[in-house]
Amino acid sequence: MSGRVEREIQFVLNDRVVELRAHPATPLLDAIRGTFAQKATKEGCREGDCGACTVLLGQARDGQMAYRAVTSCLVPIGDVAGQHVVTVEGLQGTAQQPTPVQAALVAELGTQCGFCTPGIVMALTGFLLTAPHLNQDEATLALAGNICRCTGYAPILRAAAALVAQHQPLAPVTDRVPGLVATRALPGYFTRIPQLLADLPPRIRLTQLPAGTRVVAGATDLLVQGPHGLLDHDVALAGDLCADAIELVDGDLVIGAGATMEALSHHPLFLAFVPQMPQYARLIASQQIRERATLAGNIVNASPIGDFVILLLALGAHIRLQGPDGMREMPLDQFHTGYKQMDLRPGEWLAAIRMPAGQREQRVAFEKVSKRTHLDIASVNSALWIQVDGQRIVAARLAAGGVAPVPKFLRKTSEALRGMPLDNATVRLAGELARAEVTPISDVRGSAVYKSRLLERQVFAHFQRLFAIEEGLP
C-alpha cells in the first residue's frame, strides 16, 4: 500500500509533553534533531553501532519508571508514544554545574572532540539507572555500544569507575530516580514524569492487521537498511499488536512478541531455561541494541545467522501466530521454509513464543564465532540443549546458523544423539553428523569448508563447556 500514513504522536521529551504528526516508522533521531532541535544528540553511523545518538527511553511499569539507553536512530517514533524520551539537554548539566557523569568524564579527560560524548553521557546515566549491581563490569557493558575515536577508552572507563564508587549505595535500590536526583545525576523534574505520562492518551491496540500493512518490531535491522523502505507503506508497530509480558502459563513460559532480548536475558523465568544467558547475551549486539531488538523480530527477520533464533530452536520453542482465522501454534523449527521465507499467512503476525516446561532446568550451551568477539555478525553460531541421565544422553537439540539458507535445526544429529553414551566417541560422532547435515556457502565470513569445520569445533566446545569432555581424549 503506497502513501505516507501519518499519526499524531504524543510523548514527554525531557520535561515537557510534545506532539507531532509523523509516519510511525520515522527514526526518533530525525525528530529529536529536526522537529525539536535537540542538536546535542549526534547523528553518526545511523546503524546503531556508534552510540552517538543514544537517549534514554522511560516507561511506567508497576508504579515506577523503567528506563533504558537506546540508539535513537533505530527507534521508530511511533514506539515512543506515551513514553519519556531524555536527551543530553534534558539532564540540564551546565559548564558551571555538570552532572556527576559529565564531571567524571571531564575529571578523567574522557572527552576531546565531543561528538561521541553525549551518547557516552547518556549510556552511563542509563547504567546508573538500570544496572543490577552498579559494578565496573556492568559499566563496561553499558559502554559497549559507544565508539570513541579520539580519546581512547581508558579515561572513559576511569570515569565509569568513579561513578561506580560514588553511586554504589544505590545498588540495592529498585527505584533509583530519587537517589539520582539527590546526587544531581538527574534533574528534579524526573519525579514528575509518572504523572505527565499518566495524563497522555493510552496506546491503541490493533486487533487485526489491515491489508498491505508491514509489521515492524524493534526495527534494529529494518532501520539499518534505511527508513525509506518503510515510510511509503502503512506500518503497524509490534507494540500496537503484541504484549511484552514474560510469564508462566500452565507451567510453560510464554513470551510476548514485544519482549526485548535484553529483558529476556535477565528475566528469572528465562534463566531457569538458560542460566548462563547473561554471559551469552554479551555475544549478541550491544546493550543499546538488545534493549530494542525483540525475539519476534529476530525470528521473522529470517536471517540464517540470527543469534537468538538459534538459541530458541535448540530450546524447542513454539510460536503463536495471530491472524484473521484466529490463533495457531507451530514448532519454531517448522516456521522457516527457505531463505527469508516463512509459514506466515496474509494478515498474520507473530504474537508470542512458548517454551515448553519440559525444556526447563536442562543443560544449554551457546557458541558464536565472528571476526570480532563482540558487536559482530556470526560466521557460525550454534546452540545445544541436552538432557542426560547419568552418563547417557536422554534427548538433545542442536541448532546452528550460518550453515544453511535458514536458521537450521539439525534434526538428524539431534535424533542420533538420543540414547548415546556421554563420552568422547559420541562427541566426535556428533561433530561429524553436524558437518554432514549442513550446506554452508562461501562468503565474506568464511569459506564453506571453514564454516562446516567451525560448526564441528563448536559441537566439541558445547560438550566441553557442559561436561568437560575434551575432544580427542579417550
Protein backbone atom coordinates (compact mmCIF):
# COMPACT_ATOMS: atom_id res chain seq x y z
CA MET A 1 0.00 0.00 0.00
CA SER A 2 1.62 3.26 -1.08
CA GLY A 3 1.34 6.64 0.57
CA ARG A 4 2.63 8.15 3.82
CA VAL A 5 0.16 7.27 6.56
CA GLU A 6 0.97 9.62 9.42
CA ARG A 7 -0.25 9.68 13.03
CA GLU A 8 -0.50 12.11 15.90
CA ILE A 9 2.13 11.04 18.41
CA GLN A 10 2.39 12.39 21.96
CA PHE A 11 5.20 11.75 24.41
CA VAL A 12 7.26 13.51 27.05
CA LEU A 13 10.52 14.98 25.75
CA ASN A 14 12.75 15.82 28.68
CA ASP A 15 10.49 17.94 30.93
CA ARG A 16 7.51 18.69 28.66
CA VAL A 17 4.75 16.97 26.74
CA VAL A 18 5.26 17.26 22.99
CA GLU A 19 3.18 16.27 20.00
CA LEU A 20 3.93 15.85 16.32
CA ARG A 21 2.38 14.35 13.25
CA ALA A 22 4.66 11.80 11.61
CA HIS A 23 4.87 8.42 9.96
CA PRO A 24 5.29 5.96 12.87
CA ALA A 25 8.47 4.47 11.33
CA THR A 26 10.25 7.84 11.25
CA PRO A 27 13.51 7.45 13.22
CA LEU A 28 13.29 9.14 16.59
CA LEU A 29 16.70 10.72 15.90
CA ASP A 30 15.27 12.73 12.99
CA ALA A 31 12.51 14.18 15.16
CA ILE A 32 14.90 14.95 18.02
CA ARG A 33 17.36 16.85 15.84
CA GLY A 34 14.86 18.22 13.34
CA THR A 35 11.43 18.91 14.80
CA PHE A 36 12.64 19.53 18.35
CA ALA A 37 16.13 20.92 17.57
CA GLN A 38 17.93 18.87 20.23
CA LYS A 39 21.25 19.13 18.40
CA ALA A 40 23.47 17.66 21.12
CA THR A 41 22.16 14.22 20.17
CA LYS A 42 24.57 13.43 17.33
CA GLU A 43 23.95 11.64 14.05
CA GLY A 44 26.77 9.20 13.40
CA CYS A 45 26.52 5.82 11.72
CA ARG A 46 22.69 5.57 11.65
CA GLU A 47 23.18 1.83 12.19
CA GLY A 48 23.15 1.69 15.99
CA ASP A 49 26.87 0.90 16.20
CA CYS A 50 28.49 4.18 17.24
CA GLY A 51 26.17 5.18 20.09
CA ALA A 52 26.43 8.92 19.37
CA CYS A 53 22.64 9.23 19.22
CA THR A 54 21.94 7.39 22.49
CA VAL A 55 18.99 8.66 24.52
CA LEU A 56 17.04 7.35 27.49
CA LEU A 57 13.60 5.88 26.92
CA GLY A 58 11.39 5.60 30.00
CA GLN A 59 8.13 3.73 30.50
CA ALA A 60 5.85 3.49 33.54
CA ARG A 61 5.79 -0.10 34.82
CA ASP A 62 4.29 -1.40 38.05
CA GLY A 63 4.06 2.04 39.61
CA GLN A 64 7.57 3.24 38.83
CA MET A 65 9.64 4.30 35.84
CA ALA A 66 11.79 1.84 33.92
CA TYR A 67 14.48 3.47 31.78
CA ARG A 68 16.78 2.05 29.13
CA ALA A 69 19.50 3.55 26.98
CA VAL A 70 18.72 3.13 23.26
CA THR A 71 20.15 4.37 19.97
CA SER A 72 17.57 6.84 18.67
CA CYS A 73 18.47 6.19 15.02
CA LEU A 74 16.86 2.75 15.35
CA VAL A 75 13.72 3.70 17.29
CA PRO A 76 10.53 4.24 15.24
CA ILE A 77 8.97 7.36 16.67
CA GLY A 78 5.59 5.63 16.91
CA ASP A 79 7.08 3.40 19.59
CA VAL A 80 7.75 6.31 21.97
CA ALA A 81 4.09 7.35 22.17
CA GLY A 82 3.18 7.60 25.83
CA GLN A 83 6.81 7.29 26.96
CA HIS A 84 9.58 9.56 28.27
CA VAL A 85 12.46 10.47 25.95
CA VAL A 86 15.53 12.05 27.54
CA THR A 87 18.30 13.72 25.53
CA VAL A 88 21.55 15.03 26.95
CA GLU A 89 19.97 18.51 27.07
CA GLY A 90 17.33 17.03 29.35
CA LEU A 91 19.95 16.23 32.01
CA GLN A 92 20.34 20.01 32.42
CA GLY A 93 24.04 19.91 33.15
CA THR A 94 25.98 23.13 32.61
CA ALA A 95 29.64 24.11 32.49
CA GLN A 96 29.27 25.55 35.99
CA GLN A 97 27.20 22.63 37.33
CA PRO A 98 27.78 19.48 35.27
CA THR A 99 26.03 16.27 36.22
CA PRO A 100 28.19 13.69 38.03
CA VAL A 101 28.56 11.75 34.78
CA GLN A 102 29.72 14.82 32.88
CA ALA A 103 32.01 15.85 35.76
CA ALA A 104 33.63 12.40 35.88
CA LEU A 105 34.36 12.46 32.14
CA VAL A 106 35.92 15.92 32.45
CA ALA A 107 37.97 14.98 35.50
CA GLU A 108 39.38 11.87 33.82
CA LEU A 109 39.99 13.64 30.47
CA GLY A 110 37.46 11.33 28.85
CA THR A 111 36.41 13.67 26.05
CA GLN A 112 38.14 15.52 23.22
CA CYS A 113 36.15 16.38 20.10
CA GLY A 114 32.87 15.85 21.95
CA PHE A 115 30.98 14.24 19.07
CA CYS A 116 30.61 10.89 20.83
CA THR A 117 30.44 12.35 24.33
CA PRO A 118 26.67 12.99 24.53
CA GLY A 119 26.00 9.34 23.75
CA ILE A 120 28.54 8.24 26.35
CA VAL A 121 26.93 10.53 28.94
CA MET A 122 23.53 9.00 28.20
CA ALA A 123 24.86 5.42 28.27
CA LEU A 124 26.48 5.99 31.67
CA THR A 125 23.38 7.72 33.01
CA GLY A 126 21.33 4.75 31.84
CA PHE A 127 23.81 2.48 33.62
CA LEU A 128 23.24 4.33 36.89
CA LEU A 129 19.50 3.96 36.45
CA THR A 130 19.29 0.29 35.49
CA ALA A 131 22.45 -1.78 36.14
CA PRO A 132 21.65 -4.56 38.64
CA HIS A 133 24.83 -4.27 40.72
CA LEU A 134 26.45 -0.98 39.68
CA ASN A 135 29.88 -2.53 39.25
CA GLN A 136 32.69 -1.90 36.78
CA ASP A 137 31.86 -4.92 34.64
CA GLU A 138 28.30 -3.68 34.12
CA ALA A 139 29.59 -0.18 33.37
CA THR A 140 31.87 -1.56 30.66
CA LEU A 141 28.96 -3.48 29.14
CA ALA A 142 26.82 -0.34 29.18
CA LEU A 143 29.52 1.42 27.13
CA ALA A 144 30.00 -1.42 24.66
CA GLY A 145 27.74 0.27 22.11
CA ASN A 146 29.65 3.57 22.13
CA ILE A 147 32.60 4.29 19.84
CA CYS A 148 35.16 6.99 20.66
CA ARG A 149 37.85 7.59 18.02
CA CYS A 150 39.64 10.48 19.77
CA THR A 151 40.18 9.77 23.42
CA GLY A 152 40.56 6.04 23.75
CA TYR A 153 38.65 4.06 26.31
CA ALA A 154 40.94 4.10 29.36
CA PRO A 155 39.90 7.56 30.63
CA ILE A 156 36.24 6.81 29.89
CA LEU A 157 36.47 3.61 31.93
CA ARG A 158 38.19 5.52 34.75
CA ALA A 159 35.26 7.92 34.73
CA ALA A 160 32.90 4.96 34.93
CA ALA A 161 34.87 3.58 37.89
CA ALA A 162 34.49 6.91 39.69
CA LEU A 163 30.73 6.82 39.11
CA VAL A 164 30.56 3.24 40.41
CA ALA A 165 32.30 4.25 43.63
CA GLN A 166 30.13 7.34 44.06
CA HIS A 167 26.80 5.61 43.46
CA GLN A 168 27.41 2.17 44.98
CA PRO A 169 24.96 2.85 47.88
CA LEU A 170 22.15 2.92 45.29
CA ALA A 171 22.86 -0.62 44.05
CA PRO A 172 20.22 -2.35 46.24
CA VAL A 173 17.57 0.28 45.42
CA THR A 174 14.92 -0.69 42.88
CA ASP A 175 13.70 2.82 42.08
CA ARG A 176 16.86 4.89 41.75
CA VAL A 177 15.28 8.07 40.41
CA PRO A 178 15.05 9.80 43.83
CA GLY A 179 18.63 8.87 44.71
CA LEU A 180 19.98 10.07 41.37
CA VAL A 181 18.02 13.31 41.71
CA ALA A 182 19.71 13.74 45.08
CA THR A 183 23.19 13.35 43.53
CA ARG A 184 22.14 15.62 40.60
CA ALA A 185 22.74 12.84 38.11
CA LEU A 186 19.10 13.50 37.15
CA PRO A 187 17.24 16.84 37.36
CA GLY A 188 14.34 17.22 39.75
CA TYR A 189 11.63 17.10 37.09
CA PHE A 190 12.14 13.32 36.80
CA THR A 191 9.93 12.91 39.88
CA ARG A 192 7.01 14.45 37.95
CA ILE A 193 7.30 12.22 34.89
CA PRO A 194 4.91 9.44 36.06
CA GLN A 195 2.07 11.96 36.34
CA LEU A 196 2.87 13.53 32.96
CA LEU A 197 2.75 10.08 31.34
CA ALA A 198 -0.47 9.17 33.14
CA ASP A 199 -2.16 12.19 31.56
CA LEU A 200 -1.26 11.09 28.00
CA PRO A 201 -3.79 9.11 25.93
CA PRO A 202 -3.33 5.31 26.12
CA ARG A 203 -1.80 3.43 23.22
CA ILE A 204 -4.40 1.99 20.84
CA ARG A 205 -4.09 -1.77 20.36
CA LEU A 206 -4.89 -3.30 16.96
CA THR A 207 -6.98 -6.45 16.83
CA GLN A 208 -6.36 -7.14 13.16
CA LEU A 209 -3.75 -6.28 10.56
CA PRO A 210 -5.03 -4.05 7.75
CA ALA A 211 -4.26 -5.34 4.26
CA GLY A 212 -0.85 -4.30 2.97
CA THR A 213 0.43 -3.28 6.39
CA ARG A 214 4.00 -4.10 7.30
CA VAL A 215 4.71 -5.14 10.89
CA VAL A 216 7.78 -3.57 12.49
CA ALA A 217 9.18 -4.86 15.78
CA GLY A 218 12.41 -3.44 17.25
CA ALA A 219 13.48 -2.15 13.79
CA THR A 220 17.14 -2.77 14.65
CA ASP A 221 17.62 -4.34 11.22
CA LEU A 222 14.95 -2.59 9.14
CA LEU A 223 16.10 0.92 10.03
CA VAL A 224 19.72 -0.03 9.39
CA GLN A 225 18.61 -0.74 5.82
CA GLY A 226 17.11 2.76 5.78
CA PRO A 227 13.69 4.16 6.68
CA HIS A 228 12.83 4.77 3.03
CA GLY A 229 11.65 1.17 2.75
CA LEU A 230 9.07 1.78 5.47
CA LEU A 231 7.93 5.37 5.06
CA ASP A 232 6.00 4.72 1.86
CA HIS A 233 3.86 1.98 3.44
CA ASP A 234 1.34 1.51 6.20
CA VAL A 235 3.16 0.25 9.27
CA ALA A 236 1.93 -1.50 12.40
CA LEU A 237 4.39 -1.47 15.27
CA ALA A 238 4.79 -4.59 17.38
CA GLY A 239 3.64 -2.60 20.40
CA ASP A 240 0.33 -1.99 18.62
CA LEU A 241 -0.23 -5.73 18.23
CA CYS A 242 1.66 -7.70 20.86
CA ALA A 243 2.28 -7.77 24.57
CA ASP A 244 5.79 -7.88 26.01
CA ALA A 245 4.91 -9.89 29.11
CA ILE A 246 7.10 -12.82 30.19
CA GLU A 247 5.03 -15.19 32.32
CA LEU A 248 4.28 -18.77 33.25
CA VAL A 249 1.05 -20.19 31.82
CA ASP A 250 0.16 -23.76 32.86
CA GLY A 251 3.83 -24.38 33.57
CA ASP A 252 5.06 -23.21 30.16
CA LEU A 253 6.94 -19.96 29.69
CA VAL A 254 5.03 -17.63 27.36
CA ILE A 255 6.98 -14.68 25.98
CA GLY A 256 5.04 -11.84 24.40
CA ALA A 257 6.38 -11.00 20.96
CA GLY A 258 7.15 -7.47 22.09
CA ALA A 259 9.69 -8.68 24.69
CA THR A 260 13.23 -7.49 24.02
CA MET A 261 16.40 -9.51 24.06
CA GLU A 262 17.76 -7.55 27.00
CA ALA A 263 14.60 -8.07 29.06
CA LEU A 264 14.68 -11.80 28.43
CA SER A 265 18.42 -12.10 29.03
CA HIS A 266 17.99 -11.19 32.72
CA HIS A 267 14.47 -12.42 33.41
CA PRO A 268 14.40 -15.02 36.21
CA LEU A 269 11.80 -17.16 34.42
CA PHE A 270 14.00 -17.45 31.33
CA LEU A 271 17.15 -18.01 33.39
CA ALA A 272 15.52 -21.25 34.56
CA PHE A 273 15.90 -22.39 30.93
CA VAL A 274 19.30 -20.79 30.21
CA PRO A 275 21.14 -19.91 33.44
CA GLN A 276 24.18 -18.60 31.51
CA MET A 277 22.09 -16.22 29.37
CA PRO A 278 23.64 -13.01 30.78
CA GLN A 279 27.04 -14.26 29.61
CA TYR A 280 25.76 -15.47 26.24
CA ALA A 281 23.97 -12.15 25.67
CA ARG A 282 27.32 -10.36 25.61
CA LEU A 283 27.98 -12.02 22.26
CA ILE A 284 24.73 -10.61 20.82
CA ALA A 285 24.87 -6.94 19.75
CA SER A 286 25.30 -4.15 22.32
CA GLN A 287 23.10 -3.37 25.30
CA GLN A 288 21.54 -0.40 23.46
CA ILE A 289 20.55 -2.71 20.58
CA ARG A 290 19.34 -5.54 22.85
CA GLU A 291 17.12 -3.02 24.62
CA ARG A 292 15.26 -2.58 21.32
CA ALA A 293 15.67 -5.87 19.43
CA THR A 294 12.79 -8.29 20.01
CA LEU A 295 12.68 -12.07 19.87
CA ALA A 296 9.81 -11.90 17.39
CA GLY A 297 11.78 -9.58 15.14
CA ASN A 298 14.76 -11.93 15.24
CA ILE A 299 12.50 -14.80 14.18
CA VAL A 300 10.58 -13.09 11.36
CA ASN A 301 13.68 -11.36 10.05
CA ALA A 302 14.53 -14.94 8.99
CA SER A 303 18.26 -14.32 8.91
CA PRO A 304 20.21 -17.59 8.64
CA ILE A 305 22.57 -16.27 11.32
CA GLY A 306 20.14 -14.76 13.83
CA ASP A 307 21.62 -15.32 17.27
CA PHE A 308 18.53 -15.57 19.44
CA VAL A 309 16.54 -17.66 16.97
CA ILE A 310 19.31 -20.29 17.02
CA LEU A 311 19.05 -20.49 20.79
CA LEU A 312 15.25 -20.72 20.66
CA LEU A 313 15.47 -23.54 18.09
CA ALA A 314 17.70 -25.54 20.42
CA LEU A 315 15.28 -24.90 23.27
CA GLY A 316 12.38 -26.39 21.31
CA ALA A 317 10.38 -23.17 21.24
CA HIS A 318 6.92 -22.96 19.70
CA ILE A 319 5.47 -19.81 18.15
CA ARG A 320 1.92 -18.47 18.21
CA LEU A 321 0.64 -16.72 15.12
CA GLN A 322 -2.38 -14.43 15.29
CA GLY A 323 -4.43 -13.69 12.20
CA PRO A 324 -7.87 -13.34 10.62
CA ASP A 325 -8.65 -17.00 11.36
CA GLY A 326 -7.58 -16.81 15.00
CA MET A 327 -4.51 -18.16 16.73
CA ARG A 328 -2.41 -21.09 15.54
CA GLU A 329 0.72 -22.58 17.02
CA MET A 330 3.65 -24.42 15.46
CA PRO A 331 7.14 -25.57 16.42
CA LEU A 332 9.67 -22.91 15.56
CA ASP A 333 11.72 -25.46 13.62
CA GLN A 334 8.89 -25.67 11.05
CA PHE A 335 8.44 -21.92 10.55
CA HIS A 336 11.31 -21.06 8.18
CA THR A 337 10.70 -22.65 4.78
CA GLY A 338 13.51 -21.13 2.71
CA TYR A 339 15.84 -18.17 2.53
CA LYS A 340 13.86 -15.25 4.01
CA GLN A 341 10.69 -17.34 3.62
CA MET A 342 8.26 -18.27 6.40
CA ASP A 343 4.96 -20.02 7.00
CA LEU A 344 3.26 -16.68 7.64
CA ARG A 345 -0.17 -16.22 6.08
CA PRO A 346 -1.63 -12.90 4.88
CA GLY A 347 -2.81 -10.80 7.82
CA GLU A 348 -0.88 -12.87 10.39
CA TRP A 349 1.70 -11.72 12.88
CA LEU A 350 3.84 -13.49 15.45
CA ALA A 351 2.13 -12.86 18.77
CA ALA A 352 4.05 -14.97 21.30
CA ILE A 353 6.71 -17.60 21.86
CA ARG A 354 6.05 -20.59 24.10
CA MET A 355 8.78 -22.52 25.89
CA PRO A 356 7.55 -25.98 26.97
CA ALA A 357 8.02 -26.66 30.66
CA GLY A 358 9.98 -29.83 29.88
CA GLN A 359 12.84 -27.79 28.43
CA ARG A 360 13.48 -26.13 31.79
CA GLU A 361 16.43 -26.94 34.05
CA GLN A 362 18.40 -28.85 31.44
CA ARG A 363 21.87 -28.03 30.13
CA VAL A 364 22.22 -25.40 27.41
CA ALA A 365 25.31 -24.10 25.62
CA PHE A 366 25.69 -21.32 23.03
CA GLU A 367 28.72 -20.59 20.87
CA LYS A 368 29.38 -17.84 18.36
CA VAL A 369 32.42 -17.11 16.22
CA SER A 370 32.72 -13.84 14.32
CA LYS A 371 35.51 -11.62 13.08
CA ARG A 372 35.12 -9.55 16.24
CA THR A 373 34.15 -11.14 19.53
CA HIS A 374 31.50 -8.53 20.24
CA LEU A 375 29.11 -6.43 18.17
CA ASP A 376 29.51 -8.50 15.04
CA ILE A 377 27.56 -10.87 12.83
CA ALA A 378 28.36 -14.54 13.27
CA SER A 379 30.34 -16.60 10.83
CA VAL A 380 28.78 -19.60 12.58
CA ASN A 381 26.70 -19.74 15.74
CA SER A 382 25.19 -22.77 17.41
CA ALA A 383 23.30 -23.89 20.49
CA LEU A 384 22.86 -27.25 22.19
CA TRP A 385 20.09 -28.22 24.60
CA ILE A 386 20.69 -31.61 26.19
CA GLN A 387 19.12 -33.83 28.83
CA VAL A 388 21.20 -36.58 30.42
CA ASP A 389 20.65 -39.40 32.86
CA GLY A 390 23.93 -40.28 34.47
CA GLN A 391 26.32 -40.94 31.59
CA ARG A 392 23.70 -41.36 28.88
CA ILE A 393 22.00 -38.79 26.67
CA VAL A 394 18.23 -38.86 27.04
CA ALA A 395 17.46 -36.16 24.48
CA ALA A 396 19.29 -33.39 22.60
CA ARG A 397 18.53 -30.50 20.28
CA LEU A 398 21.29 -28.89 18.22
CA ALA A 399 20.75 -25.78 16.09
CA ALA A 400 23.17 -23.72 14.01
CA GLY A 401 23.33 -20.52 11.99
CA GLY A 402 25.48 -19.53 9.03
CA VAL A 403 25.43 -23.06 7.62
CA ALA A 404 22.15 -23.20 5.66
CA PRO A 405 19.65 -20.87 3.94
CA VAL A 406 17.59 -20.83 7.14
CA PRO A 407 18.27 -20.93 10.88
CA LYS A 408 18.97 -24.64 10.99
CA PHE A 409 17.63 -27.20 13.44
CA LEU A 410 19.92 -30.21 13.00
CA ARG A 411 17.25 -32.83 13.29
CA LYS A 412 19.30 -35.85 12.21
CA THR A 413 22.17 -35.09 14.54
CA SER A 414 19.80 -34.41 17.43
CA GLU A 415 17.93 -37.68 16.93
CA ALA A 416 21.15 -39.68 16.58
CA LEU A 417 22.34 -38.48 19.99
CA ARG A 418 19.31 -39.89 21.79
CA GLY A 419 20.38 -42.81 23.97
CA MET A 420 24.10 -42.44 23.21
CA PRO A 421 26.72 -42.67 25.97
CA LEU A 422 28.16 -39.41 27.16
CA ASP A 423 31.75 -39.97 26.03
CA ASN A 424 34.36 -38.76 23.61
CA ALA A 425 33.32 -41.10 20.80
CA THR A 426 29.79 -39.68 20.91
CA VAL A 427 31.15 -36.14 20.80
CA ARG A 428 33.23 -36.92 17.72
CA LEU A 429 30.23 -38.58 16.08
CA ALA A 430 28.06 -35.53 16.84
CA GLY A 431 30.60 -33.28 15.16
CA GLU A 432 30.76 -35.49 12.07
CA LEU A 433 26.98 -35.74 11.80
CA ALA A 434 26.58 -31.98 12.19
CA ARG A 435 29.05 -31.34 9.36
CA ALA A 436 27.21 -33.75 7.11
CA GLU A 437 23.83 -32.15 7.81
CA VAL A 438 24.66 -28.57 6.84
CA THR A 439 25.14 -26.81 3.48
CA PRO A 440 27.10 -23.60 4.08
CA ILE A 441 28.18 -21.27 1.29
CA SER A 442 31.41 -19.36 0.89
CA ASP A 443 31.11 -15.62 1.56
CA VAL A 444 32.93 -12.76 3.28
CA ARG A 445 32.60 -14.53 6.64
CA GLY A 446 34.43 -17.68 5.53
CA SER A 447 34.53 -20.50 3.05
CA ALA A 448 32.03 -23.34 3.07
CA VAL A 449 34.72 -25.74 4.29
CA TYR A 450 35.73 -23.36 7.07
CA LYS A 451 32.14 -22.99 8.27
CA SER A 452 31.43 -26.71 8.32
CA ARG A 453 34.66 -27.34 10.24
CA LEU A 454 33.83 -24.45 12.58
CA LEU A 455 30.45 -25.96 13.36
CA GLU A 456 32.15 -29.26 14.19
CA ARG A 457 34.50 -27.47 16.60
CA GLN A 458 31.56 -25.67 18.18
CA VAL A 459 29.86 -29.00 18.83
CA PHE A 460 33.04 -30.11 20.61
CA ALA A 461 33.01 -26.82 22.56
CA HIS A 462 29.41 -27.42 23.71
CA PHE A 463 30.31 -30.75 25.27
CA GLN A 464 33.49 -29.36 26.76
CA ARG A 465 31.56 -26.46 28.31
CA LEU A 466 28.74 -28.62 29.68
CA PHE A 467 30.52 -31.85 30.60
CA ALA A 468 34.27 -31.09 30.49
CA ILE A 469 34.71 -33.68 27.73
CA GLU A 470 37.87 -32.79 25.83
CA GLU A 471 37.66 -33.82 22.16
CA GLY A 472 40.48 -36.13 21.14
CA LEU A 473 40.88 -37.74 24.57
CA PRO A 474 39.74 -41.33 25.25
